[in-house]
PDB file of all heavy atoms in Angstrom:
ATOM      1  N   LEU A   1      98.986  87.359 102.979  1.00  0.00           N
ATOM      2  CA  LEU A   1      99.904  86.252 103.225  1.00  0.00           C
ATOM      3  C   LEU A   1     101.296  86.723 103.608  1.00  0.00           C
ATOM      4  O   LEU A   1     102.142  85.913 103.985  1.00  0.00           O
ATOM      5  CB  LEU A   1      99.990  85.366 101.967  1.00  0.00           C
ATOM      6  CG  LEU A   1      98.672  84.733 101.503  1.00  0.00           C
ATOM      7  CD1 LEU A   1      98.871  84.030 100.170  1.00  0.00           C
ATOM      8  CD2 LEU A   1      98.152  83.755 102.549  1.00  0.00           C
ATOM      9  N   GLY A   2     101.555  88.007 103.518  1.00  0.00           N
ATOM     10  CA  GLY A   2     102.879  88.551 103.802  1.00  0.00           C
ATOM     11  C   GLY A   2     103.529  89.048 102.531  1.00  0.00           C
ATOM     12  O   GLY A   2     103.295  88.502 101.440  1.00  0.00           O
ATOM     13  N   ASP A   3     104.347  90.085 102.648  1.00  0.00           N
ATOM     14  CA  ASP A   3     104.929  90.706 101.458  1.00  0.00           C
ATOM     15  C   ASP A   3     105.801  89.744 100.664  1.00  0.00           C
ATOM     16  O   ASP A   3     105.754  89.719  99.427  1.00  0.00           O
ATOM     17  CB  ASP A   3     105.750  91.934 101.872  1.00  0.00           C
ATOM     18  CG  ASP A   3     104.867  93.079 102.351  1.00  0.00           C
ATOM     19  OD1 ASP A   3     103.627  92.931 102.289  1.00  0.00           O
ATOM     20  OD2 ASP A   3     105.423  94.105 102.795  1.00  0.00           O
ATOM     21  N   ASP A   4     106.596  88.958 101.354  1.00  0.00           N
ATOM     22  CA  ASP A   4     107.516  88.068 100.643  1.00  0.00           C
ATOM     23  C   ASP A   4     106.761  87.024  99.829  1.00  0.00           C
ATOM     24  O   ASP A   4     107.051  86.798  98.648  1.00  0.00           O
ATOM     25  CB  ASP A   4     108.462  87.378 101.633  1.00  0.00           C
ATOM     26  CG  ASP A   4     109.423  88.360 102.285  1.00  0.00           C
ATOM     27  OD1 ASP A   4     109.638  89.448 101.702  1.00  0.00           O
ATOM     28  OD2 ASP A   4     109.940  88.051 103.385  1.00  0.00           O
ATOM     29  N   LEU A   5     105.792  86.360 100.488  1.00  0.00           N
ATOM     30  CA  LEU A   5     105.029  85.334  99.781  1.00  0.00           C
ATOM     31  C   LEU A   5     104.182  85.944  98.679  1.00  0.00           C
ATOM     32  O   LEU A   5     104.051  85.375  97.586  1.00  0.00           O
ATOM     33  CB  LEU A   5     104.148  84.573 100.774  1.00  0.00           C
ATOM     34  CG  LEU A   5     103.324  83.418 100.196  1.00  0.00           C
ATOM     35  CD1 LEU A   5     104.228  82.426  99.464  1.00  0.00           C
ATOM     36  CD2 LEU A   5     102.538  82.716 101.296  1.00  0.00           C
ATOM     37  N   ALA A   6     103.618  87.136  98.942  1.00  0.00           N
ATOM     38  CA  ALA A   6     102.810  87.801  97.919  1.00  0.00           C
ATOM     39  C   ALA A   6     103.658  88.123  96.693  1.00  0.00           C
ATOM     40  O   ALA A   6     103.198  87.983  95.548  1.00  0.00           O
ATOM     41  CB  ALA A   6     102.194  89.068  98.482  1.00  0.00           C
ATOM     42  N   ALA A   7     104.897  88.559  96.921  1.00  0.00           N
ATOM     43  CA  ALA A   7     105.784  88.879  95.800  1.00  0.00           C
ATOM     44  C   ALA A   7     106.108  87.625  94.979  1.00  0.00           C
ATOM     45  O   ALA A   7     106.166  87.679  93.748  1.00  0.00           O
ATOM     46  CB  ALA A   7     107.067  89.523  96.318  1.00  0.00           C
ATOM     47  N   THR A   8     106.309  86.499  95.666  1.00  0.00           N
ATOM     48  CA  THR A   8     106.586  85.257  94.933  1.00  0.00           C
ATOM     49  C   THR A   8     105.378  84.803  94.121  1.00  0.00           C
ATOM     50  O   THR A   8     105.536  84.094  93.125  1.00  0.00           O
ATOM     51  CB  THR A   8     106.994  84.134  95.902  1.00  0.00           C
ATOM     52  OG1 THR A   8     105.911  83.860  96.799  1.00  0.00           O
ATOM     53  CG2 THR A   8     108.222  84.518  96.705  1.00  0.00           C
ATOM     54  N   LEU A   9     104.180  85.200  94.529  1.00  0.00           N
ATOM     55  CA  LEU A   9     102.970  84.859  93.792  1.00  0.00           C
ATOM     56  C   LEU A   9     102.696  85.837  92.649  1.00  0.00           C
ATOM     57  O   LEU A   9     101.710  85.693  91.935  1.00  0.00           O
ATOM     58  CB  LEU A   9     101.766  84.835  94.738  1.00  0.00           C
ATOM     59  CG  LEU A   9     101.776  83.745  95.821  1.00  0.00           C
ATOM     60  CD1 LEU A   9     100.599  83.933  96.771  1.00  0.00           C
ATOM     61  CD2 LEU A   9     101.731  82.365  95.177  1.00  0.00           C
ATOM     62  N   GLY A  10     103.577  86.830  92.502  1.00  0.00           N
ATOM     63  CA  GLY A  10     103.445  87.765  91.394  1.00  0.00           C
ATOM     64  C   GLY A  10     102.737  89.057  91.725  1.00  0.00           C
ATOM     65  O   GLY A  10     102.461  89.856  90.826  1.00  0.00           O
ATOM     66  N   ALA A  11     102.441  89.300  93.007  1.00  0.00           N
ATOM     67  CA  ALA A  11     101.753  90.533  93.381  1.00  0.00           C
ATOM     68  C   ALA A  11     102.717  91.710  93.341  1.00  0.00           C
ATOM     69  O   ALA A  11     103.851  91.613  93.818  1.00  0.00           O
ATOM     70  CB  ALA A  11     101.155  90.388  94.776  1.00  0.00           C
ATOM     71  N   ASN A  12     102.267  92.809  92.794  1.00  0.00           N
ATOM     72  CA  ASN A  12     103.048  94.049  92.758  1.00  0.00           C
ATOM     73  C   ASN A  12     102.711  94.846  94.021  1.00  0.00           C
ATOM     74  O   ASN A  12     101.751  95.617  94.042  1.00  0.00           O
ATOM     75  CB  ASN A  12     102.718  94.843  91.495  1.00  0.00           C
ATOM     76  CG  ASN A  12     103.629  96.036  91.297  1.00  0.00           C
ATOM     77  OD1 ASN A  12     104.143  96.605  92.259  1.00  0.00           O
ATOM     78  ND2 ASN A  12     103.836  96.411  90.049  1.00  0.00           N
ATOM     79  N   ILE A  13     103.486  94.653  95.084  1.00  0.00           N
ATOM     80  CA  ILE A  13     103.152  95.214  96.392  1.00  0.00           C
ATOM     81  C   ILE A  13     103.069  96.741  96.356  1.00  0.00           C
ATOM     82  O   ILE A  13     102.087  97.321  96.850  1.00  0.00           O
ATOM     83  CB  ILE A  13     104.161  94.749  97.456  1.00  0.00           C
ATOM     84  CG1 ILE A  13     104.200  93.216  97.527  1.00  0.00           C
ATOM     85  CG2 ILE A  13     103.784  95.325  98.821  1.00  0.00           C
ATOM     86  CD1 ILE A  13     102.891  92.589  97.898  1.00  0.00           C
ATOM     87  N   PRO A  14     104.048  97.455  95.795  1.00  0.00           N
ATOM     88  CA  PRO A  14     103.928  98.926  95.764  1.00  0.00           C
ATOM     89  C   PRO A  14     102.684  99.404  95.022  1.00  0.00           C
ATOM     90  O   PRO A  14     102.024 100.354  95.447  1.00  0.00           O
ATOM     91  CB  PRO A  14     105.220  99.374  95.058  1.00  0.00           C
ATOM     92  CG  PRO A  14     106.185  98.258  95.295  1.00  0.00           C
ATOM     93  CD  PRO A  14     105.357  97.016  95.263  1.00  0.00           C
ATOM     94  N   LEU A  15     102.350  98.758  93.911  1.00  0.00           N
ATOM     95  CA  LEU A  15     101.172  99.161  93.137  1.00  0.00           C
ATOM     96  C   LEU A  15      99.896  98.897  93.931  1.00  0.00           C
ATOM     97  O   LEU A  15      98.969  99.728  93.924  1.00  0.00           O
ATOM     98  CB  LEU A  15     101.137  98.407  91.810  1.00  0.00           C
ATOM     99  CG  LEU A  15      99.941  98.733  90.898  1.00  0.00           C
ATOM    100  CD1 LEU A  15      99.942 100.207  90.532  1.00  0.00           C
ATOM    101  CD2 LEU A  15      99.976  97.856  89.649  1.00  0.00           C
ATOM    102  N   ILE A  16      99.835  97.753  94.618  1.00  0.00           N
ATOM    103  CA  ILE A  16      98.644  97.428  95.416  1.00  0.00           C
ATOM    104  C   ILE A  16      98.472  98.442  96.534  1.00  0.00           C
ATOM    105  O   ILE A  16      97.360  98.926  96.796  1.00  0.00           O
ATOM    106  CB  ILE A  16      98.759  95.998  95.986  1.00  0.00           C
ATOM    107  CG1 ILE A  16      98.707  94.973  94.852  1.00  0.00           C
ATOM    108  CG2 ILE A  16      97.643  95.726  96.997  1.00  0.00           C
ATOM    109  CD1 ILE A  16      99.031  93.561  95.294  1.00  0.00           C
ATOM    110  N   ARG A  17      99.559  98.781  97.210  1.00  0.00           N
ATOM    111  CA  ARG A  17      99.476  99.762  98.292  1.00  0.00           C
ATOM    112  C   ARG A  17      99.057 101.129  97.776  1.00  0.00           C
ATOM    113  O   ARG A  17      98.239 101.818  98.400  1.00  0.00           O
ATOM    114  CB  ARG A  17     100.820  99.845  99.007  1.00  0.00           C
ATOM    115  CG  ARG A  17     101.100  98.636  99.894  1.00  0.00           C
ATOM    116  CD  ARG A  17     102.458  98.728 100.526  1.00  0.00           C
ATOM    117  NE  ARG A  17     102.644  97.644 101.495  1.00  0.00           N
ATOM    118  CZ  ARG A  17     103.816  97.268 101.989  1.00  0.00           C
ATOM    119  NH1 ARG A  17     104.917  97.903 101.598  1.00  0.00           N
ATOM    120  NH2 ARG A  17     103.901  96.284 102.855  1.00  0.00           N
ATOM    121  N   ALA A  18      99.616 101.526  96.645  1.00  0.00           N
ATOM    122  CA  ALA A  18      99.260 102.831  96.084  1.00  0.00           C
ATOM    123  C   ALA A  18      97.791 102.859  95.670  1.00  0.00           C
ATOM    124  O   ALA A  18      97.076 103.835  95.945  1.00  0.00           O
ATOM    125  CB  ALA A  18     100.153 103.143  94.882  1.00  0.00           C
ATOM    126  N   ALA A  19      97.319 101.796  95.019  1.00  0.00           N
ATOM    127  CA  ALA A  19      95.923 101.746  94.603  1.00  0.00           C
ATOM    128  C   ALA A  19      94.991 101.733  95.806  1.00  0.00           C
ATOM    129  O   ALA A  19      93.932 102.379  95.798  1.00  0.00           O
ATOM    130  CB  ALA A  19      95.678 100.505  93.739  1.00  0.00           C
ATOM    131  N   THR A  20      95.372 101.012  96.860  1.00  0.00           N
ATOM    132  CA  THR A  20      94.555 100.986  98.073  1.00  0.00           C
ATOM    133  C   THR A  20      94.504 102.356  98.720  1.00  0.00           C
ATOM    134  O   THR A  20      93.440 102.807  99.177  1.00  0.00           O
ATOM    135  CB  THR A  20      95.113  99.951  99.067  1.00  0.00           C
ATOM    136  OG1 THR A  20      95.177  98.663  98.430  1.00  0.00           O
ATOM    137  CG2 THR A  20      94.228  99.845 100.302  1.00  0.00           C
ATOM    138  N   ALA A  21      95.649 103.036  98.775  1.00  0.00           N
ATOM    139  CA  ALA A  21      95.673 104.384  99.353  1.00  0.00           C
ATOM    140  C   ALA A  21      94.794 105.335  98.553  1.00  0.00           C
ATOM    141  O   ALA A  21      94.053 106.147  99.126  1.00  0.00           O
ATOM    142  CB  ALA A  21      97.110 104.895  99.402  1.00  0.00           C
ATOM    143  N   VAL A  22      94.839 105.240  97.228  1.00  0.00           N
ATOM    144  CA  VAL A  22      93.992 106.097  96.391  1.00  0.00           C
ATOM    145  C   VAL A  22      92.520 105.810  96.655  1.00  0.00           C
ATOM    146  O   VAL A  22      91.699 106.730  96.783  1.00  0.00           O
ATOM    147  CB  VAL A  22      94.331 105.892  94.897  1.00  0.00           C
ATOM    148  CG1 VAL A  22      93.283 106.571  94.011  1.00  0.00           C
ATOM    149  CG2 VAL A  22      95.709 106.443  94.590  1.00  0.00           C
ATOM    150  N   ALA A  23      92.168 104.522  96.758  1.00  0.00           N
ATOM    151  CA  ALA A  23      90.772 104.160  97.019  1.00  0.00           C
ATOM    152  C   ALA A  23      90.305 104.693  98.366  1.00  0.00           C
ATOM    153  O   ALA A  23      89.184 105.212  98.484  1.00  0.00           O
ATOM    154  CB  ALA A  23      90.616 102.640  96.965  1.00  0.00           C
ATOM    155  N   VAL A  24      91.146 104.568  99.398  1.00  0.00           N
ATOM    156  CA  VAL A  24      90.775 105.072 100.726  1.00  0.00           C
ATOM    157  C   VAL A  24      90.562 106.580 100.692  1.00  0.00           C
ATOM    158  O   VAL A  24      89.589 107.105 101.255  1.00  0.00           O
ATOM    159  CB  VAL A  24      91.854 104.696 101.766  1.00  0.00           C
ATOM    160  CG1 VAL A  24      91.628 105.445 103.074  1.00  0.00           C
ATOM    161  CG2 VAL A  24      91.839 103.198 102.018  1.00  0.00           C
ATOM    162  N   ILE A  25      91.453 107.298 100.020  1.00  0.00           N
ATOM    163  CA  ILE A  25      91.330 108.760  99.952  1.00  0.00           C
ATOM    164  C   ILE A  25      90.065 109.161  99.195  1.00  0.00           C
ATOM    165  O   ILE A  25      89.334 110.073  99.608  1.00  0.00           O
ATOM    166  CB  ILE A  25      92.578 109.365  99.302  1.00  0.00           C
ATOM    167  CG1 ILE A  25      93.788 109.184 100.232  1.00  0.00           C
ATOM    168  CG2 ILE A  25      92.374 110.835  98.973  1.00  0.00           C
ATOM    169  CD1 ILE A  25      95.112 109.486  99.576  1.00  0.00           C
ATOM    170  N   LEU A  26      89.773 108.476  98.086  1.00  0.00           N
ATOM    171  CA  LEU A  26      88.556 108.777  97.332  1.00  0.00           C
ATOM    172  C   LEU A  26      87.311 108.534  98.182  1.00  0.00           C
ATOM    173  O   LEU A  26      86.395 109.373  98.236  1.00  0.00           O
ATOM    174  CB  LEU A  26      88.497 107.927  96.067  1.00  0.00           C
ATOM    175  CG  LEU A  26      89.461 108.297  94.938  1.00  0.00           C
ATOM    176  CD1 LEU A  26      89.414 107.252  93.836  1.00  0.00           C
ATOM    177  CD2 LEU A  26      89.111 109.667  94.371  1.00  0.00           C
ATOM    178  N   LEU A  27      87.267 107.387  98.854  1.00  0.00           N
ATOM    179  CA  LEU A  27      86.089 107.031  99.642  1.00  0.00           C
ATOM    180  C   LEU A  27      85.916 107.955 100.844  1.00  0.00           C
ATOM    181  O   LEU A  27      84.821 108.472 101.097  1.00  0.00           O
ATOM    182  CB  LEU A  27      86.190 105.576 100.100  1.00  0.00           C
ATOM    183  CG  LEU A  27      86.123 104.523  98.992  1.00  0.00           C
ATOM    184  CD1 LEU A  27      86.498 103.146  99.537  1.00  0.00           C
ATOM    185  CD2 LEU A  27      84.738 104.479  98.365  1.00  0.00           C
ATOM    186  N   CYS A  28      87.003 108.157 101.590  1.00  0.00           N
ATOM    187  CA  CYS A  28      86.917 109.004 102.796  1.00  0.00           C
ATOM    188  C   CYS A  28      86.670 110.466 102.433  1.00  0.00           C
ATOM    189  O   CYS A  28      85.868 111.148 103.092  1.00  0.00           O
ATOM    190  CB  CYS A  28      88.197 108.886 103.614  1.00  0.00           C
ATOM    191  SG  CYS A  28      88.421 107.275 104.377  1.00  0.00           S
ATOM    192  N   GLY A  29      87.358 110.945 101.410  1.00  0.00           N
ATOM    193  CA  GLY A  29      87.168 112.333 101.023  1.00  0.00           C
ATOM    194  C   GLY A  29      85.753 112.608 100.558  1.00  0.00           C
ATOM    195  O   GLY A  29      85.129 113.597 100.961  1.00  0.00           O
ATOM    196  N   ALA A  30      85.202 111.728  99.729  1.00  0.00           N
ATOM    197  CA  ALA A  30      83.844 111.921  99.235  1.00  0.00           C
ATOM    198  C   ALA A  30      82.823 111.796 100.353  1.00  0.00           C
ATOM    199  O   ALA A  30      81.882 112.602 100.447  1.00  0.00           O
ATOM    200  CB  ALA A  30      83.546 110.909  98.125  1.00  0.00           C
ATOM    201  N   ALA A  31      82.986 110.793 101.208  1.00  0.00           N
ATOM    202  CA  ALA A  31      82.038 110.597 102.304  1.00  0.00           C
ATOM    203  C   ALA A  31      82.069 111.769 103.277  1.00  0.00           C
ATOM    204  O   ALA A  31      81.018 112.246 103.741  1.00  0.00           O
ATOM    205  CB  ALA A  31      82.350 109.295 103.042  1.00  0.00           C
ATOM    206  N   THR A  32      83.265 112.254 103.599  1.00  0.00           N
ATOM    207  CA  THR A  32      83.384 113.371 104.535  1.00  0.00           C
ATOM    208  C   THR A  32      82.847 114.662 103.920  1.00  0.00           C
ATOM    209  O   THR A  32      82.184 115.451 104.602  1.00  0.00           O
ATOM    210  CB  THR A  32      84.850 113.564 104.959  1.00  0.00           C
ATOM    211  OG1 THR A  32      85.337 112.334 105.506  1.00  0.00           O
ATOM    212  CG2 THR A  32      84.975 114.653 106.010  1.00  0.00           C
ATOM    213  N   ALA A  33      83.107 114.880 102.648  1.00  0.00           N
ATOM    214  CA  ALA A  33      82.576 116.072 101.991  1.00  0.00           C
ATOM    215  C   ALA A  33      81.050 116.064 101.982  1.00  0.00           C
ATOM    216  O   ALA A  33      80.418 117.111 102.123  1.00  0.00           O
ATOM    217  CB  ALA A  33      83.111 116.162 100.561  1.00  0.00           C
ATOM    218  N   ALA A  34      80.450 114.876 101.837  1.00  0.00           N
ATOM    219  CA  ALA A  34      78.993 114.789 101.748  1.00  0.00           C
ATOM    220  C   ALA A  34      78.310 114.893 103.098  1.00  0.00           C
ATOM    221  O   ALA A  34      77.268 115.536 103.226  1.00  0.00           O
ATOM    222  CB  ALA A  34      78.593 113.476 101.075  1.00  0.00           C
ATOM    223  N   ALA A  35      78.860 114.244 104.124  1.00  0.00           N
ATOM    224  CA  ALA A  35      78.141 114.124 105.400  1.00  0.00           C
ATOM    225  C   ALA A  35      78.942 114.567 106.604  1.00  0.00           C
ATOM    226  O   ALA A  35      78.436 114.484 107.728  1.00  0.00           O
ATOM    227  CB  ALA A  35      77.686 112.673 105.600  1.00  0.00           C
TER     228      ALA A  35
END
């Protein structure tokens, strides 16, 4: 919905971005290491 509206809804934007980045690195790193 956009950073401003998400923040008004109580979303922690930096935490969400950091968690998403960690998930992407875990998924891509594991998949690439395997195949």
